Amino acid sequence: MTEMPALPRYEDAVRRFRIEDEIARLHGDPATGINAYVECCGRYTGENRLALRAISANGELREFTFDDLADMSGRVGSLLKEHGVRPGDIVAGMLPRIPELVALILGTWRIGAVYQPLFTAFGPKAIEHRLSYSKAKLVVTNPANRGKLDEVENHPRIAIVLAPGDALPEGDIDFRAALATASPACSPVMRKGSDLFMMMSTSGTTGHPKGVPVPLRALLAFGAYMRDAIGLKPDDIFWNIADPGWAYGLYYAITGPLQLGIATTFYEAPSTPKAPTTSSSVSASPASQARPPPIAC
């Protein structure tokens, strides 16, 4: 990894901060119209620009440009609309760190819908509680987590990311097969800064988890954090090992770097990989900056 960048002192960052400057860095405007897909992907297409390095569980490295993610997310958006998802509706994802997760998030935002992360280590009761308050219209998962949803009362429609040879559960949507035939043409739906684009939750450490709605204007804070606290530079390849099933991973492993047009790294591994596993992934995809999650993420 390259040498850590010199970061501004907190006092200096505060002194020079102007909300007008942060708004000017966006493609849209929270007051008149903004779309999180455009901010995190659409505006960087046409440049053959690296967006994602994805390392599979068996160590295979695949690279995706912003154009690749635009195509995939357009297909996701078309699929979601076909199944009745509208602007403001919630779509939940319970997936490991695979490219389809990024496509799902961007595709949800593209049509003006709201993304809800579900940590893959959650049990059925934790999932049920979160889906009960979010009223998600669809949940996308994989075979390793699909069985948990059978124990969730009144669960939404399920789409499943199958591997070759996996059987499709009755009534589920074959996510990959559906994307293969879906149209990549999907116009972004503009929203206001006060509209939601994420539905998070508290950890539930002191009682039942509570919903934490995140409005689009939070992108202003995410961008400032990546520049002033992380110090990302245009040629960086970023690796945040926090799981996107929690806030820090979703905010700063996906949204933050992509918002700045900087490549991020995914490693399909357990949420707490062992040291040798982590070390091998660094060798497979050297990142110029890596960040561990905070204790509570």
C-alpha atoms as a PDB file:
ATOM      1  CA  MET A   1       0.000   0.000   0.000  1.00  0.00           C
ATOM      2  CA  THR A   2       1.116   3.553  -0.641  1.00  0.00           C
ATOM      3  CA  GLU A   3       2.087   5.982   2.074  1.00  0.00           C
ATOM      4  CA  MET A   4      -0.850   7.417   3.998  1.00  0.00           C
ATOM      5  CA  PRO A   5      -1.867  10.883   2.798  1.00  0.00           C
ATOM      6  CA  ALA A   6      -1.431  13.880   5.055  1.00  0.00           C
ATOM      7  CA  LEU A   7      -4.876  14.741   6.398  1.00  0.00           C
ATOM      8  CA  PRO A   8      -6.044  18.202   7.450  1.00  0.00           C
ATOM      9  CA  ARG A   9      -6.398  18.910  11.142  1.00  0.00           C
ATOM     10  CA  TYR A  10      -9.999  18.751  12.315  1.00  0.00           C
ATOM     11  CA  GLU A  11      -9.993  22.460  13.152  1.00  0.00           C
ATOM     12  CA  ASP A  12      -8.725  23.343   9.678  1.00  0.00           C
ATOM     13  CA  ALA A  13     -11.318  21.150   7.968  1.00  0.00           C
ATOM     14  CA  VAL A  14     -14.083  22.781  10.005  1.00  0.00           C
ATOM     15  CA  ARG A  15     -12.804  26.274   9.298  1.00  0.00           C
ATOM     16  CA  ARG A  16     -12.716  25.831   5.534  1.00  0.00           C
ATOM     17  CA  PHE A  17     -16.019  23.935   5.306  1.00  0.00           C
ATOM     18  CA  ARG A  18     -18.750  25.607   3.265  1.00  0.00           C
ATOM     19  CA  ILE A  19     -21.987  23.798   2.499  1.00  0.00           C
ATOM     20  CA  GLU A  20     -22.115  25.580  -0.871  1.00  0.00           C
ATOM     21  CA  ASP A  21     -18.809  23.954  -1.841  1.00  0.00           C
ATOM     22  CA  GLU A  22     -20.080  20.497  -0.898  1.00  0.00           C
ATOM     23  CA  ILE A  23     -23.280  20.962  -2.907  1.00  0.00           C
ATOM     24  CA  ALA A  24     -21.232  22.125  -5.902  1.00  0.00           C
ATOM     25  CA  ARG A  25     -19.308  18.819  -5.840  1.00  0.00           C
ATOM     26  CA  LEU A  26     -22.533  16.910  -6.464  1.00  0.00           C
ATOM     27  CA  HIS A  27     -23.950  16.298  -9.913  1.00  0.00           C
ATOM     28  CA  GLY A  28     -27.452  17.070  -8.716  1.00  0.00           C
ATOM     29  CA  ASP A  29     -28.835  19.489  -6.148  1.00  0.00           C
ATOM     30  CA  PRO A  30     -30.622  18.436  -2.935  1.00  0.00           C
ATOM     31  CA  ALA A  31     -33.002  21.352  -3.354  1.00  0.00           C
ATOM     32  CA  THR A  32     -34.059  20.709  -6.945  1.00  0.00           C
ATOM     33  CA  GLY A  33     -33.275  17.080  -7.761  1.00  0.00           C
ATOM     34  CA  ILE A  34     -30.711  14.425  -6.889  1.00  0.00           C
ATOM     35  CA  ASN A  35     -30.281  10.688  -7.457  1.00  0.00           C
ATOM     36  CA  ALA A  36     -27.796   8.548  -5.525  1.00  0.00           C
ATOM     37  CA  TYR A  37     -27.118   6.262  -8.511  1.00  0.00           C
ATOM     38  CA  VAL A  38     -26.097   9.274 -10.595  1.00  0.00           C
ATOM     39  CA  GLU A  39     -23.875  10.584  -7.806  1.00  0.00           C
ATOM     40  CA  CYS A  40     -22.169   7.209  -7.238  1.00  0.00           C
ATOM     41  CA  CYS A  41     -22.024   5.803 -10.773  1.00  0.00           C
ATOM     42  CA  GLY A  42     -23.849   7.494 -13.643  1.00  0.00           C
ATOM     43  CA  ARG A  43     -21.745  10.637 -13.770  1.00  0.00           C
ATOM     44  CA  TYR A  44     -18.537   8.604 -14.154  1.00  0.00           C
ATOM     45  CA  THR A  45     -19.581   6.528 -17.172  1.00  0.00           C
ATOM     46  CA  GLY A  46     -18.002   6.878 -20.593  1.00  0.00           C
ATOM     47  CA  GLU A  47     -14.442   7.040 -19.227  1.00  0.00           C
ATOM     48  CA  ASN A  48     -13.613   3.313 -18.910  1.00  0.00           C
ATOM     49  CA  ARG A  49     -13.018   4.122 -15.244  1.00  0.00           C
ATOM     50  CA  LEU A  50     -12.416   1.363 -12.701  1.00  0.00           C
ATOM     51  CA  ALA A  51     -15.150   1.204 -10.045  1.00  0.00           C
ATOM     52  CA  LEU A  52     -14.969  -2.202  -8.357  1.00  0.00           C
ATOM     53  CA  ARG A  53     -12.424  -4.936  -7.784  1.00  0.00           C
ATOM     54  CA  ALA A  54     -14.252  -8.056  -6.624  1.00  0.00           C
ATOM     55  CA  ILE A  55     -12.356 -11.041  -5.228  1.00  0.00           C
ATOM     56  CA  SER A  56     -14.409 -14.229  -5.007  1.00  0.00           C
ATOM     57  CA  ALA A  57     -14.239 -16.709  -2.145  1.00  0.00           C
ATOM     58  CA  ASN A  58     -11.834 -18.848  -4.205  1.00  0.00           C
ATOM     59  CA  GLY A  59      -9.545 -15.902  -4.932  1.00  0.00           C
ATOM     60  CA  GLU A  60     -10.656 -15.025  -8.475  1.00  0.00           C
ATOM     61  CA  LEU A  61     -10.327 -11.314  -9.233  1.00  0.00           C
ATOM     62  CA  ARG A  62     -12.849  -9.548 -11.472  1.00  0.00           C
ATOM     63  CA  GLU A  63     -12.817  -5.855 -12.310  1.00  0.00           C
ATOM     64  CA  PHE A  64     -15.836  -3.694 -13.120  1.00  0.00           C
ATOM     65  CA  THR A  65     -15.911  -0.196 -14.583  1.00  0.00           C
ATOM     66  CA  PHE A  66     -18.553   2.380 -13.831  1.00  0.00           C
ATOM     67  CA  ASP A  67     -20.023   1.516 -17.239  1.00  0.00           C
ATOM     68  CA  ASP A  68     -20.325  -2.124 -16.145  1.00  0.00           C
ATOM     69  CA  LEU A  69     -22.103  -1.084 -12.962  1.00  0.00           C
ATOM     70  CA  ALA A  70     -24.364   1.251 -14.949  1.00  0.00           C
ATOM     71  CA  ASP A  71     -25.438  -1.638 -17.175  1.00  0.00           C
ATOM     72  CA  MET A  72     -26.002  -3.994 -14.231  1.00  0.00           C
ATOM     73  CA  SER A  73     -27.871  -1.432 -12.139  1.00  0.00           C
ATOM     74  CA  GLY A  74     -30.065  -0.477 -15.097  1.00  0.00           C
ATOM     75  CA  ARG A  75     -31.121  -4.092 -15.399  1.00  0.00           C
ATOM     76  CA  VAL A  76     -31.792  -4.214 -11.655  1.00  0.00           C
ATOM     77  CA  GLY A  77     -33.898  -1.068 -11.879  1.00  0.00           C
ATOM     78  CA  SER A  78     -35.927  -2.510 -14.747  1.00  0.00           C
ATOM     79  CA  LEU A  79     -36.445  -5.736 -12.796  1.00  0.00           C
ATOM     80  CA  LEU A  80     -37.553  -3.890  -9.668  1.00  0.00           C
ATOM     81  CA  LYS A  81     -40.044  -1.788 -11.607  1.00  0.00           C
ATOM     82  CA  GLU A  82     -41.401  -4.916 -13.275  1.00  0.00           C
ATOM     83  CA  HIS A  83     -42.178  -6.278  -9.813  1.00  0.00           C
ATOM     84  CA  GLY A  84     -43.932  -3.159  -8.615  1.00  0.00           C
ATOM     85  CA  VAL A  85     -41.183  -1.274  -6.787  1.00  0.00           C
ATOM     86  CA  ARG A  86     -41.774   2.462  -6.968  1.00  0.00           C
ATOM     87  CA  PRO A  87     -39.918   5.578  -5.760  1.00  0.00           C
ATOM     88  CA  GLY A  88     -39.849   5.625  -1.964  1.00  0.00           C
ATOM     89  CA  ASP A  89     -40.391   1.860  -1.641  1.00  0.00           C
ATOM     90  CA  ILE A  90     -37.833  -0.194   0.272  1.00  0.00           C
ATOM     91  CA  VAL A  91     -35.756  -3.027  -1.188  1.00  0.00           C
ATOM     92  CA  ALA A  92     -33.745  -5.196   1.212  1.00  0.00           C
ATOM     93  CA  GLY A  93     -30.497  -6.985   0.447  1.00  0.00           C
ATOM     94  CA  MET A  94     -28.998  -9.910   2.381  1.00  0.00           C
ATOM     95  CA  LEU A  95     -25.974 -10.805   0.294  1.00  0.00           C
ATOM     96  CA  PRO A  96     -22.251 -11.364   0.755  1.00  0.00           C
ATOM     97  CA  ARG A  97     -19.759  -8.984  -0.820  1.00  0.00           C
ATOM     98  CA  ILE A  98     -20.359  -9.887  -4.457  1.00  0.00           C
ATOM     99  CA  PRO A  99     -20.823  -7.617  -7.505  1.00  0.00           C
ATOM    100  CA  GLU A 100     -24.587  -8.236  -7.494  1.00  0.00           C
ATOM    101  CA  LEU A 101     -24.788  -6.473  -4.141  1.00  0.00           C
ATOM    102  CA  VAL A 102     -23.419  -3.237  -5.615  1.00  0.00           C
ATOM    103  CA  ALA A 103     -25.709  -3.598  -8.637  1.00  0.00           C
ATOM    104  CA  LEU A 104     -28.704  -4.097  -6.344  1.00  0.00           C
ATOM    105  CA  ILE A 105     -27.912  -1.005  -4.285  1.00  0.00           C
ATOM    106  CA  LEU A 106     -27.300   1.213  -7.313  1.00  0.00           C
ATOM    107  CA  GLY A 107     -30.342  -0.159  -9.136  1.00  0.00           C
ATOM    108  CA  THR A 108     -32.556   0.506  -6.125  1.00  0.00           C
ATOM    109  CA  TRP A 109     -31.343   4.089  -5.926  1.00  0.00           C
ATOM    110  CA  ARG A 110     -31.645   4.520  -9.691  1.00  0.00           C
ATOM    111  CA  ILE A 111     -35.435   4.184  -9.569  1.00  0.00           C
ATOM    112  CA  GLY A 112     -35.709   6.410  -6.487  1.00  0.00           C
ATOM    113  CA  ALA A 113     -36.262   3.527  -4.076  1.00  0.00           C
ATOM    114  CA  VAL A 114     -34.656   2.997  -0.659  1.00  0.00           C
ATOM    115  CA  TYR A 115     -32.067   0.314   0.134  1.00  0.00           C
ATOM    116  CA  GLN A 116     -32.159  -1.632   3.418  1.00  0.00           C
ATOM    117  CA  PRO A 117     -29.103  -3.740   4.345  1.00  0.00           C
ATOM    118  CA  LEU A 118     -29.559  -7.033   6.199  1.00  0.00           C
ATOM    119  CA  PHE A 119     -26.377  -8.424   7.748  1.00  0.00           C
ATOM    120  CA  THR A 120     -25.781 -11.979   6.548  1.00  0.00           C
ATOM    121  CA  ALA A 121     -25.062 -13.184  10.094  1.00  0.00           C
ATOM    122  CA  PHE A 122     -28.546 -12.190  11.275  1.00  0.00           C
ATOM    123  CA  GLY A 123     -30.893 -14.950  12.410  1.00  0.00           C
ATOM    124  CA  PRO A 124     -34.580 -15.137  11.422  1.00  0.00           C
ATOM    125  CA  LYS A 125     -35.870 -13.054  14.339  1.00  0.00           C
ATOM    126  CA  ALA A 126     -33.471 -10.184  13.653  1.00  0.00           C
ATOM    127  CA  ILE A 127     -34.442 -10.271   9.988  1.00  0.00           C
ATOM    128  CA  GLU A 128     -38.151 -10.449  10.770  1.00  0.00           C
ATOM    129  CA  HIS A 129     -38.042  -7.418  13.041  1.00  0.00           C
ATOM    130  CA  ARG A 130     -36.218  -5.282  10.483  1.00  0.00           C
ATOM    131  CA  LEU A 131     -38.502  -6.301   7.615  1.00  0.00           C
ATOM    132  CA  SER A 132     -41.573  -5.688   9.782  1.00  0.00           C
ATOM    133  CA  TYR A 133     -40.779  -2.015  10.322  1.00  0.00           C
ATOM    134  CA  SER A 134     -39.368  -1.327   6.863  1.00  0.00           C
ATOM    135  CA  LYS A 135     -42.263  -2.918   4.922  1.00  0.00           C
ATOM    136  CA  ALA A 136     -39.773  -3.865   2.197  1.00  0.00           C
ATOM    137  CA  LYS A 137     -41.347  -4.805  -1.129  1.00  0.00           C
ATOM    138  CA  LEU A 138     -38.584  -7.249  -2.095  1.00  0.00           C
ATOM    139  CA  VAL A 139     -35.608  -8.951  -0.455  1.00  0.00           C
ATOM    140  CA  VAL A 140     -32.632 -10.215  -2.468  1.00  0.00           C
ATOM    141  CA  THR A 141     -30.514 -12.982  -0.948  1.00  0.00           C
ATOM    142  CA  ASN A 142     -28.465 -16.084  -1.803  1.00  0.00           C
ATOM    143  CA  PRO A 143     -28.856 -19.818  -1.058  1.00  0.00           C
ATOM    144  CA  ALA A 144     -26.732 -19.598   2.108  1.00  0.00           C
ATOM    145  CA  ASN A 145     -29.235 -17.186   3.678  1.00  0.00           C
ATOM    146  CA  ARG A 146     -32.477 -18.122   1.894  1.00  0.00           C
ATOM    147  CA  GLY A 147     -33.599 -20.643   4.522  1.00  0.00           C
ATOM    148  CA  LYS A 148     -33.773 -17.965   7.228  1.00  0.00           C
ATOM    149  CA  LEU A 149     -36.597 -16.260   5.360  1.00  0.00           C
ATOM    150  CA  ASP A 150     -38.775 -19.380   5.633  1.00  0.00           C
ATOM    151  CA  GLU A 151     -38.945 -18.593   9.358  1.00  0.00           C
ATOM    152  CA  VAL A 152     -39.886 -14.945   8.788  1.00  0.00           C
ATOM    153  CA  GLU A 153     -43.602 -14.306   9.033  1.00  0.00           C
ATOM    154  CA  ASN A 154     -45.113 -12.318   6.153  1.00  0.00           C
ATOM    155  CA  HIS A 155     -41.781 -11.908   4.380  1.00  0.00           C
ATOM    156  CA  PRO A 156     -41.780  -9.942   1.107  1.00  0.00           C
ATOM    157  CA  ARG A 157     -41.208 -11.423  -2.337  1.00  0.00           C
ATOM    158  CA  ILE A 158     -37.776 -13.038  -2.608  1.00  0.00           C
ATOM    159  CA  ALA A 159     -35.191 -12.845  -5.378  1.00  0.00           C
ATOM    160  CA  ILE A 160     -32.228 -15.191  -5.087  1.00  0.00           C
ATOM    161  CA  VAL A 161     -28.724 -15.027  -6.553  1.00  0.00           C
ATOM    162  CA  LEU A 162     -28.091 -18.620  -7.613  1.00  0.00           C
ATOM    163  CA  ALA A 163     -24.809 -20.316  -8.452  1.00  0.00           C
ATOM    164  CA  PRO A 164     -24.687 -22.826 -11.315  1.00  0.00           C
ATOM    165  CA  GLY A 165     -26.497 -25.997 -10.279  1.00  0.00           C
ATOM    166  CA  ASP A 166     -28.513 -24.379  -7.472  1.00  0.00           C
ATOM    167  CA  ALA A 167     -32.234 -25.103  -7.442  1.00  0.00           C
ATOM    168  CA  LEU A 168     -34.688 -22.199  -7.574  1.00  0.00           C
ATOM    169  CA  PRO A 169     -37.077 -22.281  -4.589  1.00  0.00           C
ATOM    170  CA  GLU A 170     -40.722 -22.244  -5.618  1.00  0.00           C
ATOM    171  CA  GLY A 171     -42.072 -18.733  -5.980  1.00  0.00           C
ATOM    172  CA  ASP A 172     -38.659 -17.028  -5.918  1.00  0.00           C
ATOM    173  CA  ILE A 173     -37.218 -14.837  -8.665  1.00  0.00           C
ATOM    174  CA  ASP A 174     -34.001 -16.095 -10.247  1.00  0.00           C
ATOM    175  CA  PHE A 175     -32.082 -12.829  -9.902  1.00  0.00           C
ATOM    176  CA  ARG A 176     -29.270 -13.514 -12.364  1.00  0.00           C
ATOM    177  CA  ALA A 177     -31.551 -15.028 -14.998  1.00  0.00           C
ATOM    178  CA  ALA A 178     -33.961 -12.104 -14.675  1.00  0.00           C
ATOM    179  CA  LEU A 179     -31.149  -9.568 -15.064  1.00  0.00           C
ATOM    180  CA  ALA A 180     -29.908 -11.315 -18.205  1.00  0.00           C
ATOM    181  CA  THR A 181     -33.182 -10.524 -19.972  1.00  0.00           C
ATOM    182  CA  ALA A 182     -33.947  -7.167 -18.331  1.00  0.00           C
ATOM    183  CA  SER A 183     -33.352  -3.903 -20.154  1.00  0.00           C
ATOM    184  CA  PRO A 184     -30.325  -1.852 -19.049  1.00  0.00           C
ATOM    185  CA  ALA A 185     -32.187   1.299 -20.114  1.00  0.00           C
ATOM    186  CA  CYS A 186     -33.570   2.762 -16.890  1.00  0.00           C
ATOM    187  CA  SER A 187     -33.892   6.505 -16.402  1.00  0.00           C
ATOM    188  CA  PRO A 188     -32.821   7.777 -12.956  1.00  0.00           C
ATOM    189  CA  VAL A 189     -35.647   9.163 -10.852  1.00  0.00           C
ATOM    190  CA  MET A 190     -34.730  12.491  -9.318  1.00  0.00           C
ATOM    191  CA  ARG A 191     -35.574  13.038  -5.665  1.00  0.00           C
ATOM    192  CA  LYS A 192     -35.196  15.800  -3.076  1.00  0.00           C
ATOM    193  CA  GLY A 193     -32.436  15.914  -0.484  1.00  0.00           C
ATOM    194  CA  SER A 194     -34.981  15.184   2.258  1.00  0.00           C
ATOM    195  CA  ASP A 195     -36.097  11.943   0.563  1.00  0.00           C
ATOM    196  CA  LEU A 196     -34.653   8.690   1.855  1.00  0.00           C
ATOM    197  CA  PHE A 197     -32.182   6.453   0.040  1.00  0.00           C
ATOM    198  CA  MET A 198     -31.203   4.112   2.896  1.00  0.00           C
ATOM    199  CA  MET A 199     -33.097   2.497   5.751  1.00  0.00           C
ATOM    200  CA  MET A 200     -30.594   1.511   8.404  1.00  0.00           C
ATOM    201  CA  SER A 201     -31.155   0.189  11.901  1.00  0.00           C
ATOM    202  CA  THR A 202     -29.603   0.455  15.317  1.00  0.00           C
ATOM    203  CA  SER A 203     -27.719  -2.597  16.561  1.00  0.00           C
ATOM    204  CA  GLY A 204     -30.356  -3.651  19.094  1.00  0.00           C
ATOM    205  CA  THR A 205     -27.829  -3.733  21.932  1.00  0.00           C
ATOM    206  CA  THR A 206     -30.264  -2.017  24.307  1.00  0.00           C
ATOM    207  CA  GLY A 207     -33.653  -3.313  23.179  1.00  0.00           C
ATOM    208  CA  HIS A 208     -35.212  -3.928  19.797  1.00  0.00           C
ATOM    209  CA  PRO A 209     -33.403  -2.377  16.805  1.00  0.00           C
ATOM    210  CA  LYS A 210     -34.919   0.861  15.617  1.00  0.00           C
ATOM    211  CA  GLY A 211     -35.122   2.108  12.069  1.00  0.00           C
ATOM    212  CA  VAL A 212     -32.670   4.833  11.057  1.00  0.00           C
ATOM    213  CA  PRO A 213     -33.830   6.605   7.884  1.00  0.00           C
ATOM    214  CA  VAL A 214     -30.997   8.215   5.889  1.00  0.00           C
ATOM    215  CA  PRO A 215     -31.900  11.083   3.519  1.00  0.00           C
ATOM    216  CA  LEU A 216     -30.092  11.874   0.279  1.00  0.00           C
ATOM    217  CA  ARG A 217     -28.556  15.014   1.755  1.00  0.00           C
ATOM    218  CA  ALA A 218     -26.334  12.682   3.820  1.00  0.00           C
ATOM    219  CA  LEU A 219     -24.231  12.332   0.645  1.00  0.00           C
ATOM    220  CA  LEU A 220     -22.749  15.721   1.534  1.00  0.00           C
ATOM    221  CA  ALA A 221     -21.354  14.284   4.770  1.00  0.00           C
ATOM    222  CA  PHE A 222     -20.213  11.025   3.163  1.00  0.00           C
ATOM    223  CA  GLY A 223     -18.157  12.885   0.565  1.00  0.00           C
ATOM    224  CA  ALA A 224     -16.559  15.186   3.137  1.00  0.00           C
ATOM    225  CA  TYR A 225     -15.623  12.206   5.319  1.00  0.00           C
ATOM    226  CA  MET A 226     -13.931  10.367   2.465  1.00  0.00           C
ATOM    227  CA  ARG A 227     -11.883  13.429   1.516  1.00  0.00           C
ATOM    228  CA  ASP A 228     -11.005  14.896   4.916  1.00  0.00           C
ATOM    229  CA  ALA A 229     -11.000  11.897   7.263  1.00  0.00           C
ATOM    230  CA  ILE A 230      -9.881   9.088   4.913  1.00  0.00           C
ATOM    231  CA  GLY A 231      -7.935  11.259   2.488  1.00  0.00           C
ATOM    232  CA  LEU A 232      -8.884   9.439  -0.723  1.00  0.00           C
ATOM    233  CA  LYS A 233      -7.111  10.570  -3.882  1.00  0.00           C
ATOM    234  CA  PRO A 234      -8.303  10.124  -7.495  1.00  0.00           C
ATOM    235  CA  ASP A 235      -5.866   7.290  -8.251  1.00  0.00           C
ATOM    236  CA  ASP A 236      -6.567   5.314  -5.074  1.00  0.00           C
ATOM    237  CA  ILE A 237      -7.995   1.798  -5.000  1.00  0.00           C
ATOM    238  CA  PHE A 238      -9.800   1.653  -1.697  1.00  0.00           C
ATOM    239  CA  TRP A 239     -10.500  -1.364   0.487  1.00  0.00           C
ATOM    240  CA  ASN A 240     -12.794  -0.941   3.484  1.00  0.00           C
ATOM    241  CA  ILE A 241     -13.181  -4.351   5.115  1.00  0.00           C
ATOM    242  CA  ALA A 242     -16.324  -3.345   7.043  1.00  0.00           C
ATOM    243  CA  ASP A 243     -19.375  -5.385   6.085  1.00  0.00           C
ATOM    244  CA  PRO A 244     -21.977  -3.491   3.978  1.00  0.00           C
ATOM    245  CA  GLY A 245     -24.678  -5.105   6.116  1.00  0.00           C
ATOM    246  CA  TRP A 246     -23.905  -2.376   8.659  1.00  0.00           C
ATOM    247  CA  ALA A 247     -23.637   1.384   8.384  1.00  0.00           C
ATOM    248  CA  TYR A 248     -19.874   1.866   8.128  1.00  0.00           C
ATOM    249  CA  GLY A 249     -19.519  -0.659   5.326  1.00  0.00           C
ATOM    250  CA  LEU A 250     -22.488   0.657   3.338  1.00  0.00           C
ATOM    251  CA  TYR A 251     -21.561   4.304   3.858  1.00  0.00           C
ATOM    252  CA  TYR A 252     -17.804   4.077   3.371  1.00  0.00           C
ATOM    253  CA  ALA A 253     -17.040   0.851   1.474  1.00  0.00           C
ATOM    254  CA  ILE A 254     -19.646   1.462  -1.238  1.00  0.00           C
ATOM    255  CA  THR A 255     -21.278   4.881  -1.214  1.00  0.00           C
ATOM    256  CA  GLY A 256     -18.339   7.080  -0.218  1.00  0.00           C
ATOM    257  CA  PRO A 257     -15.619   5.896  -2.607  1.00  0.00           C
ATOM    258  CA  LEU A 258     -17.981   5.499  -5.572  1.00  0.00           C
ATOM    259  CA  GLN A 259     -19.382   8.963  -4.911  1.00  0.00           C
ATOM    260  CA  LEU A 260     -15.856  10.321  -5.377  1.00  0.00           C
ATOM    261  CA  GLY A 261     -15.350   8.197  -8.508  1.00  0.00           C
ATOM    262  CA  ILE A 262     -12.729   6.051  -6.763  1.00  0.00           C
ATOM    263  CA  ALA A 263     -12.460   2.276  -7.082  1.00  0.00           C
ATOM    264  CA  THR A 264     -13.475   0.160  -4.122  1.00  0.00           C
ATOM    265  CA  THR A 265     -12.577  -3.439  -3.318  1.00  0.00           C
ATOM    266  CA  PHE A 266     -14.878  -6.319  -2.366  1.00  0.00           C
ATOM    267  CA  TYR A 267     -13.731  -9.598  -0.894  1.00  0.00           C
ATOM    268  CA  GLU A 268     -16.314 -12.371  -0.674  1.00  0.00           C
ATOM    269  CA  ALA A 269     -15.449 -13.693   2.759  1.00  0.00           C
ATOM    270  CA  PRO A 270     -17.004 -13.983   6.214  1.00  0.00           C
ATOM    271  CA  SER A 271     -17.609 -10.716   8.041  1.00  0.00           C
ATOM    272  CA  THR A 272     -14.588 -11.477  10.248  1.00  0.00           C
ATOM    273  CA  PRO A 273     -12.061 -13.221   7.992  1.00  0.00           C
ATOM    274  CA  LYS A 274      -9.014 -14.852   9.559  1.00  0.00           C
ATOM    275  CA  ALA A 275      -5.660 -13.114   9.224  1.00  0.00           C
ATOM    276  CA  PRO A 276      -4.174 -15.477   6.584  1.00  0.00           C
ATOM    277  CA  THR A 277      -7.331 -15.115   4.492  1.00  0.00           C
ATOM    278  CA  THR A 278      -7.197 -11.326   4.730  1.00  0.00           C
ATOM    279  CA  SER A 279      -3.500 -11.317   3.890  1.00  0.00           C
ATOM    280  CA  SER A 280      -4.036 -13.412   0.755  1.00  0.00           C
ATOM    281  CA  SER A 281      -6.767 -11.076  -0.452  1.00  0.00           C
ATOM    282  CA  VAL A 282      -4.426  -8.099  -0.107  1.00  0.00           C
ATOM    283  CA  SER A 283      -1.906  -9.920  -2.287  1.00  0.00           C
ATOM    284  CA  ALA A 284      -4.566 -10.710  -4.899  1.00  0.00           C
ATOM    285  CA  SER A 285      -5.760  -7.107  -5.149  1.00  0.00           C
ATOM    286  CA  PRO A 286      -3.288  -4.586  -3.723  1.00  0.00           C
ATOM    287  CA  ALA A 287      -5.164  -1.519  -2.496  1.00  0.00           C
ATOM    288  CA  SER A 288      -3.570   1.872  -2.065  1.00  0.00           C
ATOM    289  CA  GLN A 289      -5.681   2.458   1.049  1.00  0.00           C
ATOM    290  CA  ALA A 290      -7.314  -0.011   3.417  1.00  0.00           C
ATOM    291  CA  ARG A 291      -9.581   0.703   6.366  1.00  0.00           C
ATOM    292  CA  PRO A 292     -10.829  -1.602   9.138  1.00  0.00           C
ATOM    293  CA  PRO A 293     -14.292  -1.027  10.582  1.00  0.00           C
ATOM    294  CA  PRO A 294     -14.775   0.717  13.929  1.00  0.00           C
ATOM    295  CA  ILE A 295     -15.765  -1.466  16.871  1.00  0.00           C
ATOM    296  CA  ALA A 296     -19.443  -0.672  16.306  1.00  0.00           C
ATOM    297  CA  CYS A 297     -20.148  -0.359  12.576  1.00  0.00           C
END
